[in-house]
Amino acid sequence: MMNAILTLIDNIVDIYIFTLLAYVIASWLVTFKIINPWQPFVRWILQALGRLHEPLLSRIRSVLPDFGGIDISPIIVLLAVQFGRNLLFEYGA
């Protein structure tokens, strides 16, 4: 039973990581004007990803010092999620 729960949590973490990477890449594509954020489908995807990730990213941004135009909050989230995953498998198994 415990192994199934750990696998489920691991899969949820994988989905979160993949969607975070998609959000970061999509924001770069919008910034470099490769995709048009005013198209309805693109806007819907960006809003959905933003609602999923911005609460955590904005909290981290409020703590970090200003690095100019560089946003390292997704890197910190990825490191924290990986650290949590490692702790889960270290102490959960």
Protein backbone atom coordinates (compact mmCIF):
# COMPACT_ATOMS: atom_id res chain seq x y z
CA MET A 1 0.00 0.00 0.00
CA MET A 2 2.76 2.44 0.94
CA ASN A 3 4.63 1.77 -2.30
CA ALA A 4 1.52 2.61 -4.34
CA ILE A 5 1.10 5.92 -2.49
CA LEU A 6 4.76 6.80 -3.01
CA THR A 7 4.42 6.03 -6.72
CA LEU A 8 1.31 8.20 -6.97
CA ILE A 9 3.04 11.11 -5.23
CA ASP A 10 6.06 10.66 -7.48
CA ASN A 11 3.84 10.80 -10.58
CA ILE A 12 2.12 13.95 -9.32
CA VAL A 13 5.51 15.55 -8.72
CA ASP A 14 6.57 14.59 -12.26
CA ILE A 15 3.47 16.24 -13.70
CA TYR A 16 4.13 19.37 -11.64
CA ILE A 17 7.73 19.54 -12.86
CA PHE A 18 6.73 19.07 -16.51
CA THR A 19 4.05 21.75 -16.29
CA LEU A 20 6.50 24.12 -14.59
CA LEU A 21 8.98 23.60 -17.41
CA ALA A 22 6.19 24.16 -19.94
CA TYR A 23 5.26 27.40 -18.15
CA VAL A 24 8.84 28.66 -18.21
CA ILE A 25 9.32 27.78 -21.88
CA ALA A 26 5.97 29.33 -22.82
CA SER A 27 6.88 32.55 -21.02
CA TRP A 28 10.15 32.67 -22.96
CA LEU A 29 8.29 32.11 -26.22
CA VAL A 30 5.93 34.98 -25.40
CA THR A 31 8.84 37.23 -24.40
CA PHE A 32 10.69 36.57 -27.66
CA LYS A 33 7.44 37.02 -29.63
CA ILE A 34 7.48 33.52 -31.04
CA ILE A 35 3.93 32.79 -29.91
CA ASN A 36 1.07 35.25 -29.74
CA PRO A 37 -0.43 35.45 -26.20
CA TRP A 38 -3.64 37.01 -27.59
CA GLN A 39 -4.74 33.85 -29.35
CA PRO A 40 -7.51 32.25 -27.26
CA PHE A 41 -5.96 28.80 -26.94
CA VAL A 42 -2.51 30.15 -26.08
CA ARG A 43 -4.04 32.57 -23.56
CA TRP A 44 -6.02 29.73 -21.99
CA ILE A 45 -2.90 27.55 -21.64
CA LEU A 46 -0.85 30.42 -20.17
CA GLN A 47 -3.58 31.32 -17.69
CA ALA A 48 -4.00 27.70 -16.60
CA LEU A 49 -0.26 27.25 -16.10
CA GLY A 50 -0.06 30.61 -14.34
CA ARG A 51 -2.83 29.68 -11.90
CA LEU A 52 -1.01 26.46 -11.11
CA HIS A 53 2.49 27.86 -10.62
CA GLU A 54 2.30 31.58 -9.82
CA PRO A 55 1.21 31.22 -6.15
CA LEU A 56 4.42 29.38 -5.27
CA LEU A 57 6.66 31.33 -7.66
CA SER A 58 5.42 34.70 -6.38
CA ARG A 59 6.15 33.72 -2.78
CA ILE A 60 9.70 32.79 -3.72
CA ARG A 61 10.13 36.00 -5.75
CA SER A 62 9.10 38.07 -2.74
CA VAL A 63 11.94 36.58 -0.70
CA LEU A 64 14.66 36.68 -3.37
CA PRO A 65 16.76 39.78 -4.00
CA ASP A 66 16.41 41.54 -7.35
CA PHE A 67 18.66 40.00 -10.00
CA GLY A 68 17.68 42.42 -12.73
CA GLY A 69 15.82 40.63 -15.49
CA ILE A 70 16.75 37.13 -14.35
CA ASP A 71 14.09 35.10 -12.57
CA ILE A 72 15.56 32.14 -10.71
CA SER A 73 12.40 31.26 -8.80
CA PRO A 74 11.57 28.29 -11.10
CA ILE A 75 15.03 26.86 -10.45
CA ILE A 76 14.50 27.15 -6.70
CA VAL A 77 11.10 25.46 -7.01
CA LEU A 78 12.60 22.63 -9.06
CA LEU A 79 15.39 22.13 -6.52
CA ALA A 80 12.91 22.18 -3.62
CA VAL A 81 10.60 19.70 -5.32
CA GLN A 82 13.50 17.36 -6.07
CA PHE A 83 14.71 17.68 -2.48
CA GLY A 84 11.22 16.84 -1.21
CA ARG A 85 11.04 13.87 -3.55
CA ASN A 86 14.39 12.59 -2.29
CA LEU A 87 13.26 12.96 1.32
CA LEU A 88 10.03 11.15 0.54
CA PHE A 89 11.82 8.13 -0.90
CA GLU A 90 14.52 8.20 1.76
CA TYR A 91 12.15 8.17 4.74
CA GLY A 92 8.95 6.87 3.16
CA ALA A 93 10.27 3.60 1.84
